[in-house]
C-alpha atoms as a PDB file:
ATOM      1  CA  MET A   1      -5.063  -4.224-110.742  1.00  0.00           C
ATOM      2  CA  ARG A   2      -8.002  -3.523-108.423  1.00  0.00           C
ATOM      3  CA  VAL A   3      -8.896  -6.415-106.076  1.00  0.00           C
ATOM      4  CA  LEU A   4     -11.900  -6.740-103.763  1.00  0.00           C
ATOM      5  CA  LEU A   5     -11.436  -8.928-100.694  1.00  0.00           C
ATOM      6  CA  THR A   6     -14.313 -10.175 -98.554  1.00  0.00           C
ATOM      7  CA  GLY A   7     -13.672 -11.521 -95.070  1.00  0.00           C
ATOM      8  CA  ALA A   8     -10.773  -9.092 -94.705  1.00  0.00           C
ATOM      9  CA  THR A   9     -11.022  -9.037 -90.902  1.00  0.00           C
ATOM     10  CA  GLY A  10     -10.903 -12.828 -90.523  1.00  0.00           C
ATOM     11  CA  PHE A  11      -7.820 -14.944 -89.887  1.00  0.00           C
ATOM     12  CA  VAL A  12      -7.060 -15.665 -93.544  1.00  0.00           C
ATOM     13  CA  GLY A  13      -8.372 -12.298 -94.736  1.00  0.00           C
ATOM     14  CA  ALA A  14      -6.113 -10.364 -92.372  1.00  0.00           C
ATOM     15  CA  GLY A  15      -3.089 -12.283 -93.641  1.00  0.00           C
ATOM     16  CA  LEU A  16      -4.077 -11.554 -97.219  1.00  0.00           C
ATOM     17  CA  THR A  17      -4.663  -7.881 -96.479  1.00  0.00           C
ATOM     18  CA  LYS A  18      -1.192  -7.455 -94.996  1.00  0.00           C
ATOM     19  CA  ARG A  19       0.551  -9.276 -97.843  1.00  0.00           C
ATOM     20  CA  ILE A  20      -1.358  -7.604-100.695  1.00  0.00           C
ATOM     21  CA  SER A  21      -0.789  -4.173 -99.148  1.00  0.00           C
ATOM     22  CA  GLU A  22       2.926  -4.764 -99.689  1.00  0.00           C
ATOM     23  CA  LEU A  23       2.517  -5.398-103.440  1.00  0.00           C
ATOM     24  CA  THR A  24       2.715  -2.376-105.706  1.00  0.00           C
ATOM     25  CA  ASN A  25       0.850  -3.970-108.624  1.00  0.00           C
ATOM     26  CA  LEU A  26      -2.376  -4.585-106.671  1.00  0.00           C
ATOM     27  CA  GLN A  27      -4.857  -2.066-105.290  1.00  0.00           C
ATOM     28  CA  LEU A  28      -6.834  -3.689-102.480  1.00  0.00           C
ATOM     29  CA  PHE A  29     -10.372  -2.831-101.428  1.00  0.00           C
ATOM     30  CA  ALA A  30     -11.550  -4.573 -98.257  1.00  0.00           C
ATOM     31  CA  ALA A  31     -15.275  -5.186 -97.824  1.00  0.00           C
ATOM     32  CA  VAL A  32     -16.167  -4.546 -94.186  1.00  0.00           C
ATOM     33  CA  ARG A  33     -19.312  -4.147 -92.119  1.00  0.00           C
ATOM     34  CA  GLN A  34     -17.787  -1.322 -90.061  1.00  0.00           C
ATOM     35  CA  GLN A  35     -15.672   1.297 -91.826  1.00  0.00           C
ATOM     36  CA  ALA A  36     -13.794   2.177 -88.630  1.00  0.00           C
ATOM     37  CA  ARG A  37     -11.705  -0.990 -88.965  1.00  0.00           C
ATOM     38  CA  SER A  38      -7.984  -0.176 -89.264  1.00  0.00           C
ATOM     39  CA  PHE A  39      -6.075  -1.541 -92.271  1.00  0.00           C
ATOM     40  CA  PRO A  40      -2.489  -1.222 -93.533  1.00  0.00           C
ATOM     41  CA  SER A  41      -1.573   1.815 -95.581  1.00  0.00           C
ATOM     42  CA  GLY A  42      -2.857   1.598 -99.132  1.00  0.00           C
ATOM     43  CA  VAL A  43      -5.860  -0.595 -98.309  1.00  0.00           C
ATOM     44  CA  THR A  44      -9.268   0.998 -98.833  1.00  0.00           C
ATOM     45  CA  ALA A  45     -12.170  -0.124 -96.657  1.00  0.00           C
ATOM     46  CA  VAL A  46     -15.538  -0.358 -98.418  1.00  0.00           C
ATOM     47  CA  PRO A  47     -18.634  -0.654 -96.176  1.00  0.00           C
ATOM     48  CA  VAL A  48     -20.915  -3.528 -97.196  1.00  0.00           C
ATOM     49  CA  ALA A  49     -23.829  -5.170 -95.397  1.00  0.00           C
ATOM     50  CA  ASP A  50     -23.783  -8.779 -94.246  1.00  0.00           C
ATOM     51  CA  LEU A  51     -23.151 -11.485 -96.840  1.00  0.00           C
ATOM     52  CA  ALA A  52     -26.691 -12.285 -97.947  1.00  0.00           C
ATOM     53  CA  SER A  53     -28.797 -12.958-101.033  1.00  0.00           C
ATOM     54  CA  ASP A  54     -29.935  -9.321-101.238  1.00  0.00           C
ATOM     55  CA  THR A  55     -26.704  -7.473-100.384  1.00  0.00           C
ATOM     56  CA  ASP A  56     -25.901  -4.617-102.748  1.00  0.00           C
ATOM     57  CA  TRP A  57     -22.261  -4.889-103.879  1.00  0.00           C
ATOM     58  CA  GLY A  58     -22.459  -2.137-106.487  1.00  0.00           C
ATOM     59  CA  GLU A  59     -20.117   0.401-104.859  1.00  0.00           C
ATOM     60  CA  ALA A  60     -17.631  -2.221-103.696  1.00  0.00           C
ATOM     61  CA  LEU A  61     -17.334  -3.782-107.172  1.00  0.00           C
ATOM     62  CA  GLU A  62     -16.789  -0.547-109.088  1.00  0.00           C
ATOM     63  CA  GLY A  63     -13.673  -0.920-111.227  1.00  0.00           C
ATOM     64  CA  VAL A  64     -12.739  -4.270-109.652  1.00  0.00           C
ATOM     65  CA  GLU A  65     -11.018  -6.885-111.825  1.00  0.00           C
ATOM     66  CA  VAL A  66     -10.639  -9.705-109.286  1.00  0.00           C
ATOM     67  CA  VAL A  67     -12.728 -10.732-106.272  1.00  0.00           C
ATOM     68  CA  ILE A  68     -11.182 -12.858-103.514  1.00  0.00           C
ATOM     69  CA  HIS A  69     -14.081 -14.249-101.528  1.00  0.00           C
ATOM     70  CA  SER A  70     -13.014 -15.518 -98.106  1.00  0.00           C
ATOM     71  CA  ALA A  71     -16.070 -14.415 -96.101  1.00  0.00           C
ATOM     72  CA  ALA A  72     -18.316 -17.261 -94.945  1.00  0.00           C
ATOM     73  CA  ARG A  73     -20.403 -18.684 -92.176  1.00  0.00           C
ATOM     74  CA  VAL A  74     -17.577 -20.738 -90.747  1.00  0.00           C
ATOM     75  CA  HIS A  75     -17.680 -24.286 -89.425  1.00  0.00           C
ATOM     76  CA  ILE A  76     -19.172 -24.405 -85.921  1.00  0.00           C
ATOM     77  CA  MET A  77     -18.393 -27.399 -83.688  1.00  0.00           C
ATOM     78  CA  ASN A  78     -21.632 -27.354 -81.701  1.00  0.00           C
ATOM     79  CA  ASP A  79     -24.044 -25.553 -83.981  1.00  0.00           C
ATOM     80  CA  GLU A  80     -27.230 -24.615 -82.126  1.00  0.00           C
ATOM     81  CA  ALA A  81     -29.162 -23.471 -85.202  1.00  0.00           C
ATOM     82  CA  THR A  82     -32.512 -25.226 -85.676  1.00  0.00           C
ATOM     83  CA  ASP A  83     -31.589 -25.970 -89.307  1.00  0.00           C
ATOM     84  CA  PRO A  84     -27.793 -25.664 -89.673  1.00  0.00           C
ATOM     85  CA  LEU A  85     -27.785 -26.485 -93.390  1.00  0.00           C
ATOM     86  CA  ALA A  86     -30.295 -23.709 -94.112  1.00  0.00           C
ATOM     87  CA  GLU A  87     -28.139 -21.221 -92.201  1.00  0.00           C
ATOM     88  CA  TYR A  88     -24.990 -22.269 -94.043  1.00  0.00           C
ATOM     89  CA  ARG A  89     -26.808 -22.098 -97.376  1.00  0.00           C
ATOM     90  CA  ARG A  90     -28.153 -18.628 -96.635  1.00  0.00           C
ATOM     91  CA  VAL A  91     -24.641 -17.189 -96.302  1.00  0.00           C
ATOM     92  CA  ASN A  92     -22.257 -19.567 -98.060  1.00  0.00           C
ATOM     93  CA  VAL A  93     -24.421 -20.354-101.072  1.00  0.00           C
ATOM     94  CA  SER A  94     -26.996 -17.602-101.603  1.00  0.00           C
ATOM     95  CA  GLY A  95     -24.709 -14.826-100.356  1.00  0.00           C
ATOM     96  CA  THR A  96     -21.772 -16.056-102.440  1.00  0.00           C
ATOM     97  CA  LEU A  97     -23.740 -16.466-105.669  1.00  0.00           C
ATOM     98  CA  ASN A  98     -25.375 -13.066-105.226  1.00  0.00           C
ATOM     99  CA  LEU A  99     -21.908 -11.504-105.011  1.00  0.00           C
ATOM    100  CA  ALA A 100     -20.683 -13.495-108.015  1.00  0.00           C
ATOM    101  CA  ARG A 101     -23.645 -12.515-110.204  1.00  0.00           C
ATOM    102  CA  GLN A 102     -23.141  -8.852-109.373  1.00  0.00           C
ATOM    103  CA  ALA A 103     -19.423  -9.289-110.067  1.00  0.00           C
ATOM    104  CA  VAL A 104     -20.266 -10.501-113.572  1.00  0.00           C
ATOM    105  CA  ASP A 105     -22.531  -7.502-114.120  1.00  0.00           C
ATOM    106  CA  ALA A 106     -19.741  -5.186-112.930  1.00  0.00           C
ATOM    107  CA  GLY A 107     -17.246  -6.641-115.406  1.00  0.00           C
ATOM    108  CA  VAL A 108     -15.107  -8.573-112.905  1.00  0.00           C
ATOM    109  CA  LYS A 109     -12.776 -10.968-114.708  1.00  0.00           C
ATOM    110  CA  ARG A 110     -11.898 -13.507-111.996  1.00  0.00           C
ATOM    111  CA  PHE A 111     -13.517 -14.783-108.796  1.00  0.00           C
ATOM    112  CA  VAL A 112     -11.221 -16.606-106.334  1.00  0.00           C
ATOM    113  CA  PHE A 113     -13.310 -18.643-103.900  1.00  0.00           C
ATOM    114  CA  ILE A 114     -11.845 -19.873-100.617  1.00  0.00           C
ATOM    115  CA  SER A 115     -13.676 -23.128-100.041  1.00  0.00           C
ATOM    116  CA  SER A 116     -12.742 -25.966 -97.647  1.00  0.00           C
ATOM    117  CA  ILE A 117     -11.258 -29.454 -97.662  1.00  0.00           C
ATOM    118  CA  LYS A 118     -14.519 -30.487 -96.007  1.00  0.00           C
ATOM    119  CA  VAL A 119     -15.937 -30.576 -99.531  1.00  0.00           C
ATOM    120  CA  ASN A 120     -13.799 -33.686-100.072  1.00  0.00           C
ATOM    121  CA  GLY A 121     -14.706 -35.265 -96.734  1.00  0.00           C
ATOM    122  CA  GLU A 122     -13.674 -35.655 -93.120  1.00  0.00           C
ATOM    123  CA  GLY A 123     -10.750 -38.014 -93.381  1.00  0.00           C
ATOM    124  CA  THR A 124      -8.604 -40.347 -95.470  1.00  0.00           C
ATOM    125  CA  PRO A 125      -7.128 -43.801 -94.905  1.00  0.00           C
ATOM    126  CA  LEU A 126      -3.513 -43.540 -93.757  1.00  0.00           C
ATOM    127  CA  GLY A 127      -1.276 -43.075 -96.785  1.00  0.00           C
ATOM    128  CA  ARG A 128      -4.117 -42.214 -99.166  1.00  0.00           C
ATOM    129  CA  SER A 129      -4.687 -38.560 -99.993  1.00  0.00           C
ATOM    130  CA  PHE A 130      -7.565 -36.493-101.280  1.00  0.00           C
ATOM    131  CA  LYS A 131      -6.994 -35.142-104.785  1.00  0.00           C
ATOM    132  CA  ALA A 132      -8.461 -31.982-106.244  1.00  0.00           C
ATOM    133  CA  ASP A 133     -10.532 -33.848-108.813  1.00  0.00           C
ATOM    134  CA  ASP A 134     -11.859 -36.578-106.487  1.00  0.00           C
ATOM    135  CA  ALA A 135     -15.621 -36.933-106.217  1.00  0.00           C
ATOM    136  CA  PRO A 136     -16.759 -34.642-103.362  1.00  0.00           C
ATOM    137  CA  ALA A 137     -18.122 -36.290-100.226  1.00  0.00           C
ATOM    138  CA  PRO A 138     -18.980 -33.627 -97.613  1.00  0.00           C
ATOM    139  CA  ALA A 139     -20.146 -35.069 -94.317  1.00  0.00           C
ATOM    140  CA  ASP A 140     -21.591 -32.015 -92.590  1.00  0.00           C
ATOM    141  CA  PRO A 141     -23.753 -28.983 -93.451  1.00  0.00           C
ATOM    142  CA  TYR A 142     -20.759 -26.653 -93.703  1.00  0.00           C
ATOM    143  CA  GLY A 143     -19.001 -28.857 -96.254  1.00  0.00           C
ATOM    144  CA  ALA A 144     -22.250 -29.354 -98.161  1.00  0.00           C
ATOM    145  CA  SER A 145     -22.813 -25.596 -98.382  1.00  0.00           C
ATOM    146  CA  LYS A 146     -19.294 -25.013 -99.684  1.00  0.00           C
ATOM    147  CA  LEU A 147     -19.798 -27.681-102.355  1.00  0.00           C
ATOM    148  CA  GLU A 148     -23.094 -26.120-103.442  1.00  0.00           C
ATOM    149  CA  ALA A 149     -21.377 -22.739-103.706  1.00  0.00           C
ATOM    150  CA  GLU A 150     -18.557 -24.232-105.792  1.00  0.00           C
ATOM    151  CA  ARG A 151     -21.022 -25.840-108.206  1.00  0.00           C
ATOM    152  CA  GLY A 152     -23.024 -22.633-108.496  1.00  0.00           C
ATOM    153  CA  LEU A 153     -19.888 -20.631-109.259  1.00  0.00           C
ATOM    154  CA  LEU A 154     -18.663 -23.078-111.898  1.00  0.00           C
ATOM    155  CA  ALA A 155     -22.097 -23.047-113.544  1.00  0.00           C
ATOM    156  CA  LEU A 156     -21.978 -19.242-113.582  1.00  0.00           C
ATOM    157  CA  ALA A 157     -18.508 -19.391-115.108  1.00  0.00           C
ATOM    158  CA  HIS A 158     -19.810 -21.662-117.869  1.00  0.00           C
ATOM    159  CA  GLU A 159     -22.743 -19.330-118.562  1.00  0.00           C
ATOM    160  CA  THR A 160     -20.941 -15.998-118.457  1.00  0.00           C
ATOM    161  CA  GLY A 161     -17.207 -16.404-119.009  1.00  0.00           C
ATOM    162  CA  LEU A 162     -16.321 -15.356-115.451  1.00  0.00           C
ATOM    163  CA  GLU A 163     -13.075 -17.073-114.450  1.00  0.00           C
ATOM    164  CA  VAL A 164     -13.579 -18.992-111.199  1.00  0.00           C
ATOM    165  CA  VAL A 165     -10.729 -20.328-109.079  1.00  0.00           C
ATOM    166  CA  ILE A 166     -11.570 -22.635-106.158  1.00  0.00           C
ATOM    167  CA  ILE A 167      -9.083 -23.244-103.343  1.00  0.00           C
ATOM    168  CA  ARG A 168      -9.783 -25.853-100.652  1.00  0.00           C
ATOM    169  CA  PRO A 169      -7.468 -25.338 -97.661  1.00  0.00           C
ATOM    170  CA  VAL A 170      -6.863 -27.883 -94.937  1.00  0.00           C
ATOM    171  CA  LEU A 171      -6.352 -26.703 -91.328  1.00  0.00           C
ATOM    172  CA  VAL A 172      -4.773 -23.240 -91.468  1.00  0.00           C
ATOM    173  CA  TYR A 173      -2.354 -22.155 -88.727  1.00  0.00           C
ATOM    174  CA  GLY A 174      -0.125 -19.170 -88.172  1.00  0.00           C
ATOM    175  CA  PRO A 175       0.225 -16.061 -86.000  1.00  0.00           C
ATOM    176  CA  GLY A 176      -3.126 -15.323 -84.416  1.00  0.00           C
ATOM    177  CA  VAL A 177      -4.568 -18.808 -84.912  1.00  0.00           C
ATOM    178  CA  LYS A 178      -7.389 -19.698 -82.540  1.00  0.00           C
ATOM    179  CA  ALA A 179      -9.573 -22.716 -81.703  1.00  0.00           C
ATOM    180  CA  ASN A 180      -7.906 -26.122 -81.266  1.00  0.00           C
ATOM    181  CA  PHE A 181      -4.454 -25.023 -82.404  1.00  0.00           C
ATOM    182  CA  LEU A 182      -4.405 -22.238 -79.817  1.00  0.00           C
ATOM    183  CA  SER A 183      -5.508 -24.688 -77.118  1.00  0.00           C
ATOM    184  CA  MET A 184      -2.710 -27.051 -78.126  1.00  0.00           C
ATOM    185  CA  MET A 185      -0.092 -24.314 -77.746  1.00  0.00           C
ATOM    186  CA  SER A 186      -1.546 -23.377 -74.355  1.00  0.00           C
ATOM    187  CA  TRP A 187      -1.239 -26.987 -73.152  1.00  0.00           C
ATOM    188  CA  LEU A 188       2.360 -27.180 -74.350  1.00  0.00           C
ATOM    189  CA  GLN A 189       3.279 -23.810 -72.846  1.00  0.00           C
ATOM    190  CA  ARG A 190       2.016 -25.025 -69.454  1.00  0.00           C
ATOM    191  CA  ARG A 191       3.932 -28.318 -69.809  1.00  0.00           C
ATOM    192  CA  LEU A 192       0.797 -30.379 -69.276  1.00  0.00           C
ATOM    193  CA  PRO A 193       1.278 -34.153 -69.683  1.00  0.00           C
ATOM    194  CA  LEU A 194      -0.722 -35.248 -72.735  1.00  0.00           C
ATOM    195  CA  PRO A 195      -1.726 -38.859 -73.572  1.00  0.00           C
ATOM    196  CA  LEU A 196      -0.798 -38.373 -77.231  1.00  0.00           C
ATOM    197  CA  GLY A 197       2.677 -39.850 -77.536  1.00  0.00           C
ATOM    198  CA  ALA A 198       1.753 -42.853 -79.689  1.00  0.00           C
ATOM    199  CA  ILE A 199      -0.442 -41.493 -82.489  1.00  0.00           C
ATOM    200  CA  HIS A 200       0.583 -42.753 -85.924  1.00  0.00           C
ATOM    201  CA  ASN A 201      -1.831 -40.862 -88.151  1.00  0.00           C
ATOM    202  CA  LYS A 202      -0.954 -38.295 -90.833  1.00  0.00           C
ATOM    203  CA  ARG A 203      -2.647 -34.931 -91.290  1.00  0.00           C
ATOM    204  CA  SER A 204      -2.041 -32.166 -93.807  1.00  0.00           C
ATOM    205  CA  MET A 205      -1.997 -28.569 -92.623  1.00  0.00           C
ATOM    206  CA  VAL A 206      -1.209 -25.270 -94.290  1.00  0.00           C
ATOM    207  CA  ALA A 207       0.645 -22.285 -92.851  1.00  0.00           C
ATOM    208  CA  LEU A 208      -1.154 -18.990 -93.322  1.00  0.00           C
ATOM    209  CA  ASP A 209       1.824 -17.624 -95.275  1.00  0.00           C
ATOM    210  CA  ASN A 210       1.650 -20.558 -97.701  1.00  0.00           C
ATOM    211  CA  LEU A 211      -2.098 -20.216 -98.221  1.00  0.00           C
ATOM    212  CA  VAL A 212      -1.784 -16.466 -98.787  1.00  0.00           C
ATOM    213  CA  ASP A 213       1.006 -17.054-101.312  1.00  0.00           C
ATOM    214  CA  LEU A 214      -1.156 -19.479-103.286  1.00  0.00           C
ATOM    215  CA  ILE A 215      -4.171 -17.154-103.269  1.00  0.00           C
ATOM    216  CA  ILE A 216      -2.048 -14.314-104.621  1.00  0.00           C
ATOM    217  CA  THR A 217      -0.656 -16.656-107.294  1.00  0.00           C
ATOM    218  CA  CYS A 218      -4.223 -17.423-108.357  1.00  0.00           C
ATOM    219  CA  ILE A 219      -5.134 -13.756-108.832  1.00  0.00           C
ATOM    220  CA  ASP A 220      -3.752 -13.689-112.352  1.00  0.00           C
ATOM    221  CA  HIS A 221      -2.186 -17.069-113.168  1.00  0.00           C
ATOM    222  CA  PRO A 222      -3.517 -18.048-116.611  1.00  0.00           C
ATOM    223  CA  GLN A 223      -3.712 -21.758-115.736  1.00  0.00           C
ATOM    224  CA  ALA A 224      -5.808 -21.201-112.605  1.00  0.00           C
ATOM    225  CA  ALA A 225      -9.058 -20.281-114.369  1.00  0.00           C
ATOM    226  CA  ASN A 226     -11.977 -22.625-113.653  1.00  0.00           C
ATOM    227  CA  GLU A 227      -9.846 -25.056-111.657  1.00  0.00           C
ATOM    228  CA  VAL A 228     -10.020 -26.547-108.158  1.00  0.00           C
ATOM    229  CA  PHE A 229      -6.847 -26.618-106.064  1.00  0.00           C
ATOM    230  CA  LEU A 230      -5.944 -28.273-102.790  1.00  0.00           C
ATOM    231  CA  VAL A 231      -3.291 -26.609-100.652  1.00  0.00           C
ATOM    232  CA  SER A 232      -1.024 -27.751 -97.827  1.00  0.00           C
ATOM    233  CA  ASP A 233       2.530 -27.317 -96.563  1.00  0.00           C
ATOM    234  CA  GLY A 234       3.590 -30.382 -98.538  1.00  0.00           C
ATOM    235  CA  GLU A 235       4.597 -32.237 -95.363  1.00  0.00           C
ATOM    236  CA  ASP A 236       2.104 -34.302 -93.377  1.00  0.00           C
ATOM    237  CA  LEU A 237       2.519 -34.818 -89.616  1.00  0.00           C
ATOM    238  CA  SER A 238       1.102 -37.169 -87.054  1.00  0.00           C
ATOM    239  CA  THR A 239      -0.531 -35.654 -83.993  1.00  0.00           C
ATOM    240  CA  THR A 240       2.478 -36.794 -81.973  1.00  0.00           C
ATOM    241  CA  GLU A 241       4.929 -35.187 -84.426  1.00  0.00           C
ATOM    242  CA  LEU A 242       2.954 -31.948 -84.465  1.00  0.00           C
ATOM    243  CA  LEU A 243       2.991 -31.705 -80.675  1.00  0.00           C
ATOM    244  CA  ARG A 244       6.736 -32.397 -80.488  1.00  0.00           C
ATOM    245  CA  ARG A 245       7.642 -29.877 -83.180  1.00  0.00           C
ATOM    246  CA  THR A 246       5.320 -27.221 -81.790  1.00  0.00           C
ATOM    247  CA  GLY A 247       6.815 -27.794 -78.353  1.00  0.00           C
ATOM    248  CA  ARG A 248      10.293 -27.227 -79.777  1.00  0.00           C
ATOM    249  CA  ALA A 249       9.099 -24.043 -81.480  1.00  0.00           C
ATOM    250  CA  LEU A 250       7.779 -22.827 -78.123  1.00  0.00           C
ATOM    251  CA  GLY A 251      10.944 -23.858 -76.306  1.00  0.00           C
ATOM    252  CA  ARG A 252       8.727 -26.089 -74.137  1.00  0.00           C
ATOM    253  CA  PRO A 253       9.414 -29.759 -74.963  1.00  0.00           C
ATOM    254  CA  ALA A 254       6.163 -31.697 -75.134  1.00  0.00           C
ATOM    255  CA  MET A 255       5.410 -34.081 -72.262  1.00  0.00           C
ATOM    256  CA  LEU A 256       3.703 -36.924 -74.131  1.00  0.00           C
ATOM    257  CA  LEU A 257       2.482 -40.195 -72.664  1.00  0.00           C
ATOM    258  CA  PRO A 258       2.399 -43.175 -75.082  1.00  0.00           C
ATOM    259  CA  VAL A 259      -1.250 -44.129 -74.552  1.00  0.00           C
ATOM    260  CA  PRO A 260      -2.462 -46.553 -77.281  1.00  0.00           C
ATOM    261  CA  GLU A 261      -4.804 -45.099 -79.886  1.00  0.00           C
ATOM    262  CA  SER A 262      -7.373 -47.839 -79.192  1.00  0.00           C
ATOM    263  CA  LEU A 263      -7.619 -46.739 -75.563  1.00  0.00           C
ATOM    264  CA  LEU A 264      -8.006 -43.074 -76.552  1.00  0.00           C
ATOM    265  CA  LYS A 265     -10.809 -43.939 -78.973  1.00  0.00           C
ATOM    266  CA  PHE A 266     -12.539 -46.089 -76.352  1.00  0.00           C
ATOM    267  CA  ALA A 267     -12.356 -43.280 -73.787  1.00  0.00           C
ATOM    268  CA  ALA A 268     -13.729 -40.778 -76.300  1.00  0.00           C
ATOM    269  CA  ARG A 269     -16.698 -43.058 -77.041  1.00  0.00           C
ATOM    270  CA  LEU A 270     -17.422 -43.445 -73.326  1.00  0.00           C
ATOM    271  CA  LEU A 271     -17.434 -39.664 -72.982  1.00  0.00           C
ATOM    272  CA  GLY A 272     -19.708 -39.292 -75.991  1.00  0.00           C
ATOM    273  CA  LYS A 273     -16.975 -37.403 -77.899  1.00  0.00           C
ATOM    274  CA  PRO A 274     -16.023 -39.664 -80.833  1.00  0.00           C
ATOM    275  CA  GLY A 275     -15.275 -36.590 -82.954  1.00  0.00           C
ATOM    276  CA  ILE A 276     -12.370 -35.690 -80.678  1.00  0.00           C
ATOM    277  CA  ALA A 277     -10.781 -39.090 -81.276  1.00  0.00           C
ATOM    278  CA  GLN A 278     -11.211 -38.661 -85.027  1.00  0.00           C
ATOM    279  CA  ARG A 279      -9.424 -35.307 -84.986  1.00  0.00           C
ATOM    280  CA  LEU A 280      -6.609 -36.559 -82.761  1.00  0.00           C
ATOM    281  CA  CYS A 281      -6.120 -40.051 -84.213  1.00  0.00           C
ATOM    282  CA  GLY A 282      -7.612 -39.969 -87.707  1.00  0.00           C
ATOM    283  CA  SER A 283      -5.772 -39.082 -90.887  1.00  0.00           C
ATOM    284  CA  LEU A 284      -6.584 -36.394 -93.421  1.00  0.00           C
ATOM    285  CA  GLN A 285      -4.037 -36.009 -96.198  1.00  0.00           C
ATOM    286  CA  VAL A 286      -4.171 -34.021 -99.417  1.00  0.00           C
ATOM    287  CA  ASP A 287      -2.245 -34.378-102.647  1.00  0.00           C
ATOM    288  CA  ILE A 288      -1.134 -30.967-103.946  1.00  0.00           C
ATOM    289  CA  SER A 289       0.559 -32.290-107.090  1.00  0.00           C
ATOM    290  CA  LYS A 290      -2.034 -30.575-109.328  1.00  0.00           C
ATOM    291  CA  THR A 291      -1.364 -27.265-107.576  1.00  0.00           C
ATOM    292  CA  ARG A 292       2.378 -27.716-107.976  1.00  0.00           C
ATOM    293  CA  THR A 293       2.252 -28.840-111.618  1.00  0.00           C
ATOM    294  CA  LEU A 294      -0.435 -26.601-113.104  1.00  0.00           C
ATOM    295  CA  LEU A 295       0.636 -23.428-111.301  1.00  0.00           C
ATOM    296  CA  GLY A 296       4.342 -24.139-110.852  1.00  0.00           C
ATOM    297  CA  TRP A 297       3.722 -23.401-107.173  1.00  0.00           C
ATOM    298  CA  THR A 298       5.743 -24.646-104.197  1.00  0.00           C
ATOM    299  CA  PRO A 299       4.988 -23.823-100.540  1.00  0.00           C
ATOM    300  CA  PRO A 300       7.513 -21.056 -99.762  1.00  0.00           C
ATOM    301  CA  VAL A 301       7.523 -21.635 -95.974  1.00  0.00           C
ATOM    302  CA  THR A 302       8.536 -24.827 -94.189  1.00  0.00           C
ATOM    303  CA  VAL A 303       6.474 -26.340 -91.389  1.00  0.00           C
ATOM    304  CA  ASP A 304       9.143 -25.673 -88.768  1.00  0.00           C
ATOM    305  CA  ASP A 305       9.607 -22.041 -89.789  1.00  0.00           C
ATOM    306  CA  ALA A 306       5.840 -21.512 -89.736  1.00  0.00           C
ATOM    307  CA  LEU A 307       5.563 -23.127 -86.301  1.00  0.00           C
ATOM    308  CA  ILE A 308       8.342 -20.887 -84.943  1.00  0.00           C
ATOM    309  CA  LYS A 309       6.586 -17.776 -86.279  1.00  0.00           C
ATOM    310  CA  THR A 310       3.270 -18.939 -84.799  1.00  0.00           C
ATOM    311  CA  ALA A 311       4.870 -19.754 -81.439  1.00  0.00           C
ATOM    312  CA  ARG A 312       6.625 -16.388 -81.174  1.00  0.00           C
ATOM    313  CA  TYR A 313       3.394 -14.511 -81.865  1.00  0.00           C
ATOM    314  CA  PHE A 314       1.606 -16.609 -79.230  1.00  0.00           C
ATOM    315  CA  GLN A 315       4.284 -16.031 -76.577  1.00  0.00           C
ATOM    316  CA  ASP A 316       4.674 -12.319 -77.307  1.00  0.00           C
ATOM    317  CA  ARG A 317       1.005 -11.793 -76.487  1.00  0.00           C
ATOM    318  CA  ARG A 318       0.796 -13.779 -73.282  1.00  0.00           C
END
């Protein structure tokens, strides 16, 4: 089966590329802006322009049966664009639907879209989880653009018969992770005292290996067509638990001070950074029972094993 992957050089895309290259039943074509990019043996790079409403995907889609679309204008913490929503729409909506329409014309059977949990919202009450079929409630331009893309794809599926699979990951971590997760490991590696020893929230995360496994399952699973799936490791952790278990994985026990959550939130407000308090103290849980039941899928990697793999990669490259 011939598969086209967009976003092949990104964090999730690179994990997918490596895993699919090891499977003998799939022939992977990676859409890239620069052909000089190195890929594992058996992966063919296909030069394509930026993801836009007028990009020509003709050569890349030739003979392709399944498209995995992971390329996107990603969430930016401090977006300096004059109109962030317009910028997200330009890439995540117009660019995505242009690719999907050309995929239909090329005879592609299935389109797997990597969306985001931000379509559901920014957080959940403790003990209450987002479900795949909940009413969407995006709170920022990125989440809104992903929702618009989802709706456009499902409408196209209804009109044309294209099979669309939508996957909404939570925070993805694994070897090579960057941003806040990388900062957290750096703090723990340096044994910095952190005022996060009394956080009682719950947050879902997903190891890269688990996300990749689900995406590959959705390439040809008959029950995946025209469905929305949430994905996580199946075990939710508090910020305090995550720090302790990551510290153990690093061999650097976390030095955590039991500062009350109310004081942390107050300090964040004084500093004009309420979003930091939400990420550290707020909950965001997802229910993956639909994913488990409909697909017969179980996360193959445990949280602790994934943290050990992530920690070793981090330390090997210091």
